[in-house]
Full PDB file with SEQRES, HELIX, SHEET, SSBOND, CRYST1, ORIGX, SCALE, CONECT and MASTER records, all heavy atoms in Angstrom:
SEQRES   1 A   43  SER THR TYR TYR ALA ASP SER VAL LYS GLY ARG PHE THR          
SEQRES   2 A   43  CYS SER ARG ASP ASN THR LYS ASN THR MET TYR LEU GLN          
SEQRES   3 A   43  MET ASN SER LEU LYS PRO GLU ASP THR ALA VAL TYR SER          
SEQRES   4 A   43  CYS ALA ALA HIS                                              
HELIX    1 AA1 PRO A   32  ASP A   34  5                                   3    
SHEET    1 AA1 2 PHE A  12  ASP A  17  0                                        
SHEET    2 AA1 2 THR A  22  MET A  27 -1                                        
CRYST1    1.000    1.000    1.000  90.00  90.00  90.00 P 1           1          
ORIGX1      1.000000  0.000000  0.000000        0.00000                         
ORIGX2      0.000000  1.000000  0.000000        0.00000                         
ORIGX3      0.000000  0.000000  1.000000        0.00000                         
SCALE1      1.000000  0.000000  0.000000        0.00000                         
SCALE2      0.000000  1.000000  0.000000        0.00000                         
SCALE3      0.000000  0.000000  1.000000        0.00000                         
ATOM      1  N   SER A   1       5.544   0.000   6.367  1.00  0.00           N  
ATOM      2  CA  SER A   1       6.969   0.328   6.175  1.00  0.00           C  
ATOM      3  C   SER A   1       7.304   1.113   4.871  1.00  0.00           C  
ATOM      4  O   SER A   1       6.694   0.834   3.803  1.00  0.00           O  
ATOM      5  CB  SER A   1       7.885  -0.826   6.238  1.00  0.00           C  
ATOM      6  OG  SER A   1       7.794  -1.503   7.469  1.00  0.00           O  
ATOM      7  N   THR A   2       8.132   2.125   4.957  1.00  0.00           N  
ATOM      8  CA  THR A   2       8.347   2.983   3.770  1.00  0.00           C  
ATOM      9  C   THR A   2       9.806   3.023   3.416  1.00  0.00           C  
ATOM     10  O   THR A   2      10.668   2.777   4.294  1.00  0.00           O  
ATOM     11  CB  THR A   2       7.890   4.337   4.093  1.00  0.00           C  
ATOM     12  OG1 THR A   2       8.424   4.914   5.171  1.00  0.00           O  
ATOM     13  CG2 THR A   2       6.372   4.395   4.086  1.00  0.00           C  
ATOM     14  N   TYR A   3      10.133   3.345   2.165  1.00  0.00           N  
ATOM     15  CA  TYR A   3      11.455   3.385   1.598  1.00  0.00           C  
ATOM     16  C   TYR A   3      11.514   4.582   0.655  1.00  0.00           C  
ATOM     17  O   TYR A   3      10.550   4.856  -0.080  1.00  0.00           O  
ATOM     18  CB  TYR A   3      11.820   2.057   0.937  1.00  0.00           C  
ATOM     19  CG  TYR A   3      11.527   0.895   1.659  1.00  0.00           C  
ATOM     20  CD1 TYR A   3      10.190   0.298   1.525  1.00  0.00           C  
ATOM     21  CD2 TYR A   3      12.410   0.287   2.420  1.00  0.00           C  
ATOM     22  CE1 TYR A   3       9.902  -0.830   2.240  1.00  0.00           C  
ATOM     23  CE2 TYR A   3      12.122  -0.859   3.139  1.00  0.00           C  
ATOM     24  CZ  TYR A   3      10.852  -1.439   3.076  1.00  0.00           C  
ATOM     25  OH  TYR A   3      10.473  -2.549   3.836  1.00  0.00           O  
ATOM     26  N   TYR A   4      12.590   5.359   0.703  1.00  0.00           N  
ATOM     27  CA  TYR A   4      12.620   6.572  -0.043  1.00  0.00           C  
ATOM     28  C   TYR A   4      13.993   6.737  -0.867  1.00  0.00           C  
ATOM     29  O   TYR A   4      15.074   6.144  -0.405  1.00  0.00           O  
ATOM     30  CB  TYR A   4      12.615   7.795   0.847  1.00  0.00           C  
ATOM     31  CG  TYR A   4      11.268   7.846   1.631  1.00  0.00           C  
ATOM     32  CD1 TYR A   4      11.113   7.400   2.929  1.00  0.00           C  
ATOM     33  CD2 TYR A   4      10.198   8.451   1.093  1.00  0.00           C  
ATOM     34  CE1 TYR A   4       9.987   7.446   3.650  1.00  0.00           C  
ATOM     35  CE2 TYR A   4       8.941   8.492   1.721  1.00  0.00           C  
ATOM     36  CZ  TYR A   4       8.858   8.044   3.006  1.00  0.00           C  
ATOM     37  OH  TYR A   4       7.655   8.037   3.687  1.00  0.00           O  
ATOM     38  N   ALA A   5      13.872   7.277  -1.974  1.00  0.00           N  
ATOM     39  CA  ALA A   5      15.138   7.737  -2.729  1.00  0.00           C  
ATOM     40  C   ALA A   5      15.826   8.747  -1.826  1.00  0.00           C  
ATOM     41  O   ALA A   5      15.185   9.642  -1.198  1.00  0.00           O  
ATOM     42  CB  ALA A   5      14.780   8.311  -4.053  1.00  0.00           C  
ATOM     43  N   ASP A   6      17.153   8.870  -1.888  1.00  0.00           N  
ATOM     44  CA  ASP A   6      17.946   9.829  -1.178  1.00  0.00           C  
ATOM     45  C   ASP A   6      17.534  11.286  -1.512  1.00  0.00           C  
ATOM     46  O   ASP A   6      17.572  12.135  -0.700  1.00  0.00           O  
ATOM     47  CB  ASP A   6      19.399   9.579  -1.377  1.00  0.00           C  
ATOM     48  CG  ASP A   6      20.011   8.348  -0.723  1.00  0.00           C  
ATOM     49  OD1 ASP A   6      19.274   7.864   0.164  1.00  0.00           O  
ATOM     50  OD2 ASP A   6      21.011   7.980  -1.181  1.00  0.00           O  
ATOM     51  N   SER A   7      17.153  11.475  -2.786  1.00  0.00           N  
ATOM     52  CA  SER A   7      16.836  12.780  -3.264  1.00  0.00           C  
ATOM     53  C   SER A   7      15.552  13.427  -2.691  1.00  0.00           C  
ATOM     54  O   SER A   7      15.263  14.610  -2.718  1.00  0.00           O  
ATOM     55  CB  SER A   7      16.672  12.811  -4.793  1.00  0.00           C  
ATOM     56  OG  SER A   7      15.619  11.865  -5.192  1.00  0.00           O  
ATOM     57  N   VAL A   8      14.733  12.585  -2.101  1.00  0.00           N  
ATOM     58  CA  VAL A   8      13.384  13.051  -1.538  1.00  0.00           C  
ATOM     59  C   VAL A   8      13.405  12.758   0.030  1.00  0.00           C  
ATOM     60  O   VAL A   8      12.404  13.232   0.622  1.00  0.00           O  
ATOM     61  CB  VAL A   8      12.180  12.408  -2.215  1.00  0.00           C  
ATOM     62  CG1 VAL A   8      12.288  12.623  -3.733  1.00  0.00           C  
ATOM     63  CG2 VAL A   8      12.096  10.916  -1.891  1.00  0.00           C  
ATOM     64  N   LYS A   9      14.287  12.107   0.557  1.00  0.00           N  
ATOM     65  CA  LYS A   9      14.365  11.671   1.947  1.00  0.00           C  
ATOM     66  C   LYS A   9      14.359  12.935   2.794  1.00  0.00           C  
ATOM     67  O   LYS A   9      15.033  13.881   2.623  1.00  0.00           O  
ATOM     68  CB  LYS A   9      15.495  10.801   2.266  1.00  0.00           C  
ATOM     69  CG  LYS A   9      15.328   9.949   3.470  1.00  0.00           C  
ATOM     70  CD  LYS A   9      16.571   9.029   3.586  1.00  0.00           C  
ATOM     71  CE  LYS A   9      16.514   7.916   2.454  1.00  0.00           C  
ATOM     72  NZ  LYS A   9      17.554   6.921   2.671  1.00  0.00           N  
ATOM     73  N   GLY A  10      13.373  12.956   3.771  1.00  0.00           N  
ATOM     74  CA  GLY A  10      13.238  14.087   4.642  1.00  0.00           C  
ATOM     75  C   GLY A  10      12.297  15.155   4.153  1.00  0.00           C  
ATOM     76  O   GLY A  10      11.917  16.177   4.832  1.00  0.00           O  
ATOM     77  N   ARG A  11      11.899  15.158   2.810  1.00  0.00           N  
ATOM     78  CA  ARG A  11      10.983  16.056   2.257  1.00  0.00           C  
ATOM     79  C   ARG A  11       9.596  15.313   1.900  1.00  0.00           C  
ATOM     80  O   ARG A  11       8.568  16.021   1.959  1.00  0.00           O  
ATOM     81  CB  ARG A  11      11.551  16.721   0.935  1.00  0.00           C  
ATOM     82  CG  ARG A  11      12.799  17.392   1.247  1.00  0.00           C  
ATOM     83  CD  ARG A  11      13.290  18.178   0.065  1.00  0.00           C  
ATOM     84  NE  ARG A  11      13.570  17.366  -1.154  1.00  0.00           N  
ATOM     85  CZ  ARG A  11      12.995  17.469  -2.216  1.00  0.00           C  
ATOM     86  NH1 ARG A  11      12.054  18.362  -2.512  1.00  0.00           N  
ATOM     87  NH2 ARG A  11      13.330  16.633  -3.284  1.00  0.00           N  
ATOM     88  N   PHE A  12       9.649  14.144   1.462  1.00  0.00           N  
ATOM     89  CA  PHE A  12       8.482  13.359   0.967  1.00  0.00           C  
ATOM     90  C   PHE A  12       8.151  12.394   1.930  1.00  0.00           C  
ATOM     91  O   PHE A  12       8.996  11.789   2.620  1.00  0.00           O  
ATOM     92  CB  PHE A  12       8.690  12.740  -0.317  1.00  0.00           C  
ATOM     93  CG  PHE A  12       8.853  13.703  -1.534  1.00  0.00           C  
ATOM     94  CD1 PHE A  12       8.996  15.042  -1.337  1.00  0.00           C  
ATOM     95  CD2 PHE A  12       8.850  13.057  -2.797  1.00  0.00           C  
ATOM     96  CE1 PHE A  12       9.134  15.936  -2.405  1.00  0.00           C  
ATOM     97  CE2 PHE A  12       8.961  13.974  -3.896  1.00  0.00           C  
ATOM     98  CZ  PHE A  12       9.196  15.238  -3.750  1.00  0.00           C  
ATOM     99  N   THR A  13       6.827  12.161   2.236  1.00  0.00           N  
ATOM    100  CA  THR A  13       6.339  11.055   3.108  1.00  0.00           C  
ATOM    101  C   THR A  13       5.237  10.313   2.375  1.00  0.00           C  
ATOM    102  O   THR A  13       4.307  10.809   1.920  1.00  0.00           O  
ATOM    103  CB  THR A  13       5.650  11.759   4.338  1.00  0.00           C  
ATOM    104  OG1 THR A  13       6.700  12.535   4.991  1.00  0.00           O  
ATOM    105  CG2 THR A  13       5.284  10.630   5.340  1.00  0.00           C  
ATOM    106  N   CYS A  14       5.409   9.002   2.386  1.00  0.00           N  
ATOM    107  CA  CYS A  14       4.502   8.048   1.787  1.00  0.00           C  
ATOM    108  C   CYS A  14       3.716   7.416   2.953  1.00  0.00           C  
ATOM    109  O   CYS A  14       4.270   6.980   3.904  1.00  0.00           O  
ATOM    110  CB  CYS A  14       5.343   7.016   1.013  1.00  0.00           C  
ATOM    111  SG  CYS A  14       4.376   5.952   0.015  1.00  0.00           S  
ATOM    112  N   SER A  15       2.423   7.360   2.697  1.00  0.00           N  
ATOM    113  CA  SER A  15       1.567   6.696   3.633  1.00  0.00           C  
ATOM    114  C   SER A  15       0.384   5.982   2.932  1.00  0.00           C  
ATOM    115  O   SER A  15       0.185   6.183   1.778  1.00  0.00           O  
ATOM    116  CB  SER A  15       1.078   7.738   4.675  1.00  0.00           C  
ATOM    117  OG  SER A  15       0.271   8.688   3.995  1.00  0.00           O  
ATOM    118  N   ARG A  16      -0.433   5.352   3.731  1.00  0.00           N  
ATOM    119  CA  ARG A  16      -1.588   4.698   3.152  1.00  0.00           C  
ATOM    120  C   ARG A  16      -2.723   4.758   4.142  1.00  0.00           C  
ATOM    121  O   ARG A  16      -2.582   4.782   5.336  1.00  0.00           O  
ATOM    122  CB  ARG A  16      -1.263   3.256   2.662  1.00  0.00           C  
ATOM    123  CG  ARG A  16      -1.558   2.133   3.712  1.00  0.00           C  
ATOM    124  CD  ARG A  16      -0.346   1.888   4.470  1.00  0.00           C  
ATOM    125  NE  ARG A  16      -0.480   0.677   5.307  1.00  0.00           N  
ATOM    126  CZ  ARG A  16      -0.583   0.656   6.606  1.00  0.00           C  
ATOM    127  NH1 ARG A  16      -0.649   1.778   7.231  1.00  0.00           N  
ATOM    128  NH2 ARG A  16      -0.666  -0.476   7.265  1.00  0.00           N  
ATOM    129  N   ASP A  17      -3.944   4.657   3.565  1.00  0.00           N  
ATOM    130  CA  ASP A  17      -5.203   4.545   4.354  1.00  0.00           C  
ATOM    131  C   ASP A  17      -5.897   3.213   3.875  1.00  0.00           C  
ATOM    132  O   ASP A  17      -6.420   3.161   2.802  1.00  0.00           O  
ATOM    133  CB  ASP A  17      -6.091   5.770   4.093  1.00  0.00           C  
ATOM    134  CG  ASP A  17      -7.336   5.717   4.949  1.00  0.00           C  
ATOM    135  OD1 ASP A  17      -7.810   4.608   5.308  1.00  0.00           O  
ATOM    136  OD2 ASP A  17      -7.913   6.743   5.179  1.00  0.00           O  
ATOM    137  N   ASN A  18      -5.760   2.226   4.746  1.00  0.00           N  
ATOM    138  CA  ASN A  18      -6.295   0.861   4.401  1.00  0.00           C  
ATOM    139  C   ASN A  18      -7.817   0.919   4.215  1.00  0.00           C  
ATOM    140  O   ASN A  18      -8.246   0.263   3.276  1.00  0.00           O  
ATOM    141  CB  ASN A  18      -5.939  -0.118   5.528  1.00  0.00           C  
ATOM    142  CG  ASN A  18      -4.526  -0.526   5.541  1.00  0.00           C  
ATOM    143  OD1 ASN A  18      -3.800  -0.378   4.511  1.00  0.00           O  
ATOM    144  ND2 ASN A  18      -4.040  -1.094   6.659  1.00  0.00           N  
ATOM    145  N   THR A  19      -8.510   1.817   4.921  1.00  0.00           N  
ATOM    146  CA  THR A  19      -9.939   1.797   4.806  1.00  0.00           C  
ATOM    147  C   THR A  19     -10.369   2.430   3.467  1.00  0.00           C  
ATOM    148  O   THR A  19     -11.472   2.083   2.949  1.00  0.00           O  
ATOM    149  CB  THR A  19     -10.537   2.725   5.914  1.00  0.00           C  
ATOM    150  OG1 THR A  19     -10.105   4.069   5.739  1.00  0.00           O  
ATOM    151  CG2 THR A  19     -10.151   2.208   7.244  1.00  0.00           C  
ATOM    152  N   LYS A  20      -9.542   3.151   2.829  1.00  0.00           N  
ATOM    153  CA  LYS A  20      -9.765   3.825   1.577  1.00  0.00           C  
ATOM    154  C   LYS A  20      -9.044   3.166   0.447  1.00  0.00           C  
ATOM    155  O   LYS A  20      -9.200   3.588  -0.797  1.00  0.00           O  
ATOM    156  CB  LYS A  20      -9.560   5.333   1.530  1.00  0.00           C  
ATOM    157  CG  LYS A  20     -10.415   6.063   2.598  1.00  0.00           C  
ATOM    158  CD  LYS A  20      -9.975   7.573   2.467  1.00  0.00           C  
ATOM    159  CE  LYS A  20     -10.965   8.325   3.458  1.00  0.00           C  
ATOM    160  NZ  LYS A  20     -10.617   9.810   3.414  1.00  0.00           N  
ATOM    161  N   ASN A  21      -8.258   2.206   0.759  1.00  0.00           N  
ATOM    162  CA  ASN A  21      -7.345   1.532  -0.203  1.00  0.00           C  
ATOM    163  C   ASN A  21      -6.614   2.646  -1.152  1.00  0.00           C  
ATOM    164  O   ASN A  21      -6.482   2.550  -2.336  1.00  0.00           O  
ATOM    165  CB  ASN A  21      -8.192   0.746  -1.216  1.00  0.00           C  
ATOM    166  CG  ASN A  21      -7.702  -0.754  -1.137  1.00  0.00           C  
ATOM    167  OD1 ASN A  21      -7.024  -1.212  -0.242  1.00  0.00           O  
ATOM    168  ND2 ASN A  21      -7.978  -1.427  -2.234  1.00  0.00           N  
ATOM    169  N   THR A  22      -6.022   3.530  -0.365  1.00  0.00           N  
ATOM    170  CA  THR A  22      -5.441   4.701  -1.080  1.00  0.00           C  
ATOM    171  C   THR A  22      -4.004   4.908  -0.427  1.00  0.00           C  
ATOM    172  O   THR A  22      -3.793   4.832   0.785  1.00  0.00           O  
ATOM    173  CB  THR A  22      -6.210   5.993  -0.939  1.00  0.00           C  
ATOM    174  OG1 THR A  22      -7.513   5.780  -1.546  1.00  0.00           O  
ATOM    175  CG2 THR A  22      -5.495   7.189  -1.615  1.00  0.00           C  
ATOM    176  N   MET A  23      -3.067   5.174  -1.367  1.00  0.00           N  
ATOM    177  CA  MET A  23      -1.652   5.607  -0.875  1.00  0.00           C  
ATOM    178  C   MET A  23      -1.461   7.005  -1.189  1.00  0.00           C  
ATOM    179  O   MET A  23      -2.012   7.519  -2.129  1.00  0.00           O  
ATOM    180  CB  MET A  23      -0.686   4.702  -1.673  1.00  0.00           C  
ATOM    181  CG  MET A  23       0.770   5.052  -1.459  1.00  0.00           C  
ATOM    182  SD  MET A  23       1.948   4.022  -2.282  1.00  0.00           S  
ATOM    183  CE  MET A  23       1.675   4.465  -3.983  1.00  0.00           C  
ATOM    184  N   TYR A  24      -0.742   7.668  -0.356  1.00  0.00           N  
ATOM    185  CA  TYR A  24      -0.452   9.091  -0.524  1.00  0.00           C  
ATOM    186  C   TYR A  24       1.075   9.457  -0.562  1.00  0.00           C  
ATOM    187  O   TYR A  24       1.877   8.630  -0.156  1.00  0.00           O  
ATOM    188  CB  TYR A  24      -1.008   9.843   0.690  1.00  0.00           C  
ATOM    189  CG  TYR A  24      -2.510   9.666   0.970  1.00  0.00           C  
ATOM    190  CD1 TYR A  24      -2.997   8.743   1.851  1.00  0.00           C  
ATOM    191  CD2 TYR A  24      -3.377  10.351   0.188  1.00  0.00           C  
ATOM    192  CE1 TYR A  24      -4.304   8.560   2.040  1.00  0.00           C  
ATOM    193  CE2 TYR A  24      -4.807  10.204   0.386  1.00  0.00           C  
ATOM    194  CZ  TYR A  24      -5.182   9.244   1.352  1.00  0.00           C  
ATOM    195  OH  TYR A  24      -6.545   8.962   1.466  1.00  0.00           O  
ATOM    196  N   LEU A  25       1.378  10.468  -1.237  1.00  0.00           N  
ATOM    197  CA  LEU A  25       2.706  11.010  -1.221  1.00  0.00           C  
ATOM    198  C   LEU A  25       2.621  12.458  -0.849  1.00  0.00           C  
ATOM    199  O   LEU A  25       2.250  13.343  -1.756  1.00  0.00           O  
ATOM    200  CB  LEU A  25       3.378  10.801  -2.567  1.00  0.00           C  
ATOM    201  CG  LEU A  25       4.884  11.205  -2.587  1.00  0.00           C  
ATOM    202  CD1 LEU A  25       5.676  10.214  -1.826  1.00  0.00           C  
ATOM    203  CD2 LEU A  25       5.429  11.192  -4.104  1.00  0.00           C  
ATOM    204  N   GLN A  26       3.018  12.784   0.372  1.00  0.00           N  
ATOM    205  CA  GLN A  26       3.115  14.184   0.749  1.00  0.00           C  
ATOM    206  C   GLN A  26       4.416  14.798   0.427  1.00  0.00           C  
ATOM    207  O   GLN A  26       5.391  14.176   0.888  1.00  0.00           O  
ATOM    208  CB  GLN A  26       2.835  14.224   2.300  1.00  0.00           C  
ATOM    209  CG  GLN A  26       2.976  15.599   2.876  1.00  0.00           C  
ATOM    210  CD  GLN A  26       1.828  16.605   2.418  1.00  0.00           C  
ATOM    211  OE1 GLN A  26       0.712  16.224   2.351  1.00  0.00           O  
ATOM    212  NE2 GLN A  26       2.148  17.789   2.037  1.00  0.00           N  
ATOM    213  N   MET A  27       4.401  15.806  -0.393  1.00  0.00           N  
ATOM    214  CA  MET A  27       5.603  16.412  -0.835  1.00  0.00           C  
ATOM    215  C   MET A  27       5.820  17.765  -0.348  1.00  0.00           C  
ATOM    216  O   MET A  27       4.967  18.625  -0.620  1.00  0.00           O  
ATOM    217  CB  MET A  27       5.648  16.343  -2.461  1.00  0.00           C  
ATOM    218  CG  MET A  27       5.434  15.046  -3.023  1.00  0.00           C  
ATOM    219  SD  MET A  27       5.581  14.979  -4.804  1.00  0.00           S  
ATOM    220  CE  MET A  27       4.206  16.123  -5.272  1.00  0.00           C  
ATOM    221  N   ASN A  28       6.873  17.937   0.518  1.00  0.00           N  
ATOM    222  CA  ASN A  28       7.046  19.250   1.075  1.00  0.00           C  
ATOM    223  C   ASN A  28       8.482  19.777   0.559  1.00  0.00           C  
ATOM    224  O   ASN A  28       9.244  19.117   0.033  1.00  0.00           O  
ATOM    225  CB  ASN A  28       7.125  19.172   2.633  1.00  0.00           C  
ATOM    226  CG  ASN A  28       5.815  18.728   3.182  1.00  0.00           C  
ATOM    227  OD1 ASN A  28       4.748  19.018   2.643  1.00  0.00           O  
ATOM    228  ND2 ASN A  28       5.869  17.991   4.377  1.00  0.00           N  
ATOM    229  N   SER A  29       8.600  21.029   0.810  1.00  0.00           N  
ATOM    230  CA  SER A  29       9.918  21.763   0.361  1.00  0.00           C  
ATOM    231  C   SER A  29      10.170  21.458  -1.068  1.00  0.00           C  
ATOM    232  O   SER A  29      11.401  21.006  -1.469  1.00  0.00           O  
ATOM    233  CB  SER A  29      11.091  21.324   1.280  1.00  0.00           C  
ATOM    234  OG  SER A  29      10.764  21.674   2.660  1.00  0.00           O  
ATOM    235  N   LEU A  30       9.244  21.517  -1.973  1.00  0.00           N  
ATOM    236  CA  LEU A  30       9.403  21.121  -3.415  1.00  0.00           C  
ATOM    237  C   LEU A  30      10.453  22.065  -4.024  1.00  0.00           C  
ATOM    238  O   LEU A  30      10.605  23.207  -3.780  1.00  0.00           O  
ATOM    239  CB  LEU A  30       8.125  21.148  -4.085  1.00  0.00           C  
ATOM    240  CG  LEU A  30       7.172  19.978  -3.799  1.00  0.00           C  
ATOM    241  CD1 LEU A  30       5.743  20.321  -4.260  1.00  0.00           C  
ATOM    242  CD2 LEU A  30       7.651  18.737  -4.501  1.00  0.00           C  
ATOM    243  N   LYS A  31      11.240  21.392  -4.986  1.00  0.00           N  
ATOM    244  CA  LYS A  31      12.278  22.060  -5.644  1.00  0.00           C  
ATOM    245  C   LYS A  31      11.911  21.949  -7.201  1.00  0.00           C  
ATOM    246  O   LYS A  31      11.197  21.014  -7.613  1.00  0.00           O  
ATOM    247  CB  LYS A  31      13.508  21.363  -5.433  1.00  0.00           C  
ATOM    248  CG  LYS A  31      13.995  21.267  -4.105  1.00  0.00           C  
ATOM    249  CD  LYS A  31      15.289  20.461  -3.898  1.00  0.00           C  
ATOM    250  CE  LYS A  31      15.639  20.310  -2.323  1.00  0.00           C  
ATOM    251  NZ  LYS A  31      16.939  19.503  -2.240  1.00  0.00           N  
ATOM    252  N   PRO A  32      12.487  22.877  -7.968  1.00  0.00           N  
ATOM    253  CA  PRO A  32      12.190  22.810  -9.479  1.00  0.00           C  
ATOM    254  C   PRO A  32      12.577  21.339 -10.058  1.00  0.00           C  
ATOM    255  O   PRO A  32      11.950  20.890 -10.907  1.00  0.00           O  
ATOM    256  CB  PRO A  32      13.102  23.812 -10.065  1.00  0.00           C  
ATOM    257  CG  PRO A  32      13.100  24.937  -8.932  1.00  0.00           C  
ATOM    258  CD  PRO A  32      13.129  24.088  -7.700  1.00  0.00           C  
ATOM    259  N   GLU A  33      13.643  20.721  -9.493  1.00  0.00           N  
ATOM    260  CA  GLU A  33      14.054  19.514  -9.986  1.00  0.00           C  
ATOM    261  C   GLU A  33      13.106  18.283  -9.643  1.00  0.00           C  
ATOM    262  O   GLU A  33      13.299  17.183 -10.065  1.00  0.00           O  
ATOM    263  CB  GLU A  33      15.486  19.179  -9.434  1.00  0.00           C  
ATOM    264  CG  GLU A  33      15.727  19.236  -8.008  1.00  0.00           C  
ATOM    265  CD  GLU A  33      16.318  20.647  -7.576  1.00  0.00           C  
ATOM    266  OE1 GLU A  33      15.893  21.678  -8.188  1.00  0.00           O  
ATOM    267  OE2 GLU A  33      17.258  20.608  -6.809  1.00  0.00           O  
ATOM    268  N   ASP A  34      12.140  18.659  -8.850  1.00  0.00           N  
ATOM    269  CA  ASP A  34      11.082  17.628  -8.616  1.00  0.00           C  
ATOM    270  C   ASP A  34      10.003  17.600  -9.712  1.00  0.00           C  
ATOM    271  O   ASP A  34       9.111  16.711  -9.658  1.00  0.00           O  
ATOM    272  CB  ASP A  34      10.315  18.038  -7.235  1.00  0.00           C  
ATOM    273  CG  ASP A  34      11.287  17.769  -6.070  1.00  0.00           C  
ATOM    274  OD1 ASP A  34      12.106  16.750  -6.085  1.00  0.00           O  
ATOM    275  OD2 ASP A  34      11.255  18.590  -5.143  1.00  0.00           O  
ATOM    276  N   THR A  35      10.049  18.555 -10.557  1.00  0.00           N  
ATOM    277  CA  THR A  35       9.145  18.530 -11.700  1.00  0.00           C  
ATOM    278  C   THR A  35       9.142  17.319 -12.549  1.00  0.00           C  
ATOM    279  O   THR A  35      10.264  16.857 -12.979  1.00  0.00           O  
ATOM    280  CB  THR A  35       9.450  19.764 -12.615  1.00  0.00           C  
ATOM    281  OG1 THR A  35       9.176  21.025 -11.889  1.00  0.00           O  
ATOM    282  CG2 THR A  35       8.517  19.737 -13.899  1.00  0.00           C  
ATOM    283  N   ALA A  36       8.088  16.605 -12.619  1.00  0.00           N  
ATOM    284  CA  ALA A  36       7.959  15.337 -13.367  1.00  0.00           C  
ATOM    285  C   ALA A  36       6.544  14.837 -13.466  1.00  0.00           C  
ATOM    286  O   ALA A  36       5.639  15.479 -12.800  1.00  0.00           O  
ATOM    287  CB  ALA A  36       8.877  14.265 -12.654  1.00  0.00           C  
ATOM    288  N   VAL A  37       6.318  13.880 -14.186  1.00  0.00           N  
ATOM    289  CA  VAL A  37       5.124  13.027 -14.056  1.00  0.00           C  
ATOM    290  C   VAL A  37       5.217  11.976 -13.046  1.00  0.00           C  
ATOM    291  O   VAL A  37       6.233  11.260 -13.141  1.00  0.00           O  
ATOM    292  CB  VAL A  37       4.578  12.513 -15.482  1.00  0.00           C  
ATOM    293  CG1 VAL A  37       3.397  11.538 -15.294  1.00  0.00           C  
ATOM    294  CG2 VAL A  37       4.423  13.580 -16.478  1.00  0.00           C  
ATOM    295  N   TYR A  38       4.429  11.990 -12.116  1.00  0.00           N  
ATOM    296  CA  TYR A  38       4.513  10.994 -10.947  1.00  0.00           C  
ATOM    297  C   TYR A  38       3.481   9.950 -11.183  1.00  0.00           C  
ATOM    298  O   TYR A  38       2.252  10.225 -11.376  1.00  0.00           O  
ATOM    299  CB  TYR A  38       4.164  11.739  -9.568  1.00  0.00           C  
ATOM    300  CG  TYR A  38       5.412  12.607  -9.156  1.00  0.00           C  
ATOM    301  CD1 TYR A  38       5.688  13.786  -9.829  1.00  0.00           C  
ATOM    302  CD2 TYR A  38       6.239  12.177  -8.068  1.00  0.00           C  
ATOM    303  CE1 TYR A  38       6.801  14.511  -9.421  1.00  0.00           C  
ATOM    304  CE2 TYR A  38       7.224  12.962  -7.617  1.00  0.00           C  
ATOM    305  CZ  TYR A  38       7.565  14.195  -8.295  1.00  0.00           C  
ATOM    306  OH  TYR A  38       8.601  14.836  -7.874  1.00  0.00           O  
ATOM    307  N   SER A  39       3.916   8.689 -11.067  1.00  0.00           N  
ATOM    308  CA  SER A  39       3.080   7.556 -11.253  1.00  0.00           C  
ATOM    309  C   SER A  39       3.124   6.626 -10.076  1.00  0.00           C  
ATOM    310  O   SER A  39       4.315   6.448  -9.420  1.00  0.00           O  
ATOM    311  CB  SER A  39       3.463   6.776 -12.480  1.00  0.00           C  
ATOM    312  OG  SER A  39       3.386   7.526 -13.675  1.00  0.00           O  
ATOM    313  N   CYS A  40       2.079   6.015  -9.687  1.00  0.00           N  
ATOM    314  CA  CYS A  40       2.130   4.954  -8.669  1.00  0.00           C  
ATOM    315  C   CYS A  40       2.062   3.660  -9.309  1.00  0.00           C  
ATOM    316  O   CYS A  40       1.526   3.420 -10.454  1.00  0.00           O  
ATOM    317  CB  CYS A  40       0.872   5.133  -7.693  1.00  0.00           C  
ATOM    318  SG  CYS A  40      -0.694   4.946  -8.304  1.00  0.00           S  
ATOM    319  N   ALA A  41       2.544   2.647  -8.681  1.00  0.00           N  
ATOM    320  CA  ALA A  41       2.662   1.338  -9.172  1.00  0.00           C  
ATOM    321  C   ALA A  41       2.386   0.269  -8.018  1.00  0.00           C  
ATOM    322  O   ALA A  41       2.626   0.637  -6.869  1.00  0.00           O  
ATOM    323  CB  ALA A  41       4.095   1.119  -9.749  1.00  0.00           C  
ATOM    324  N   ALA A  42       2.027  -0.950  -8.426  1.00  0.00           N  
ATOM    325  CA  ALA A  42       1.812  -1.923  -7.529  1.00  0.00           C  
ATOM    326  C   ALA A  42       2.287  -3.293  -7.947  1.00  0.00           C  
ATOM    327  O   ALA A  42       2.371  -3.617  -9.136  1.00  0.00           O  
ATOM    328  CB  ALA A  42       0.300  -2.090  -7.203  1.00  0.00           C  
ATOM    329  N   HIS A  43       2.739  -4.118  -6.917  1.00  0.00           N  
ATOM    330  CA  HIS A  43       3.155  -5.483  -7.235  1.00  0.00           C  
ATOM    331  C   HIS A  43       2.583  -6.326  -6.095  1.00  0.00           C  
ATOM    332  O   HIS A  43       2.835  -6.047  -4.951  1.00  0.00           O  
ATOM    333  CB  HIS A  43       4.610  -5.656  -7.276  1.00  0.00           C  
ATOM    334  CG  HIS A  43       5.060  -7.009  -7.364  1.00  0.00           C  
ATOM    335  ND1 HIS A  43       5.114  -7.694  -8.545  1.00  0.00           N  
ATOM    336  CD2 HIS A  43       5.561  -7.923  -6.488  1.00  0.00           C  
ATOM    337  CE1 HIS A  43       5.500  -8.952  -8.361  1.00  0.00           C  
ATOM    338  NE2 HIS A  43       5.897  -9.115  -7.085  1.00  0.00           N  
TER     339      HIS A  43                                                      
MASTER        0    0    0    1    2    0    0    6  338    1    0    4          
END                                                                             
């Protein structure tokens, strides 16, 4: 299950591959305001 900030909803997609223990963030229709350092986190 995924949850998104309103600012990226419909443009970004978060997914994971259990076999690779990897999470992805597919970012489409990028805007200049998306410029940032992106970090992943876990709990």
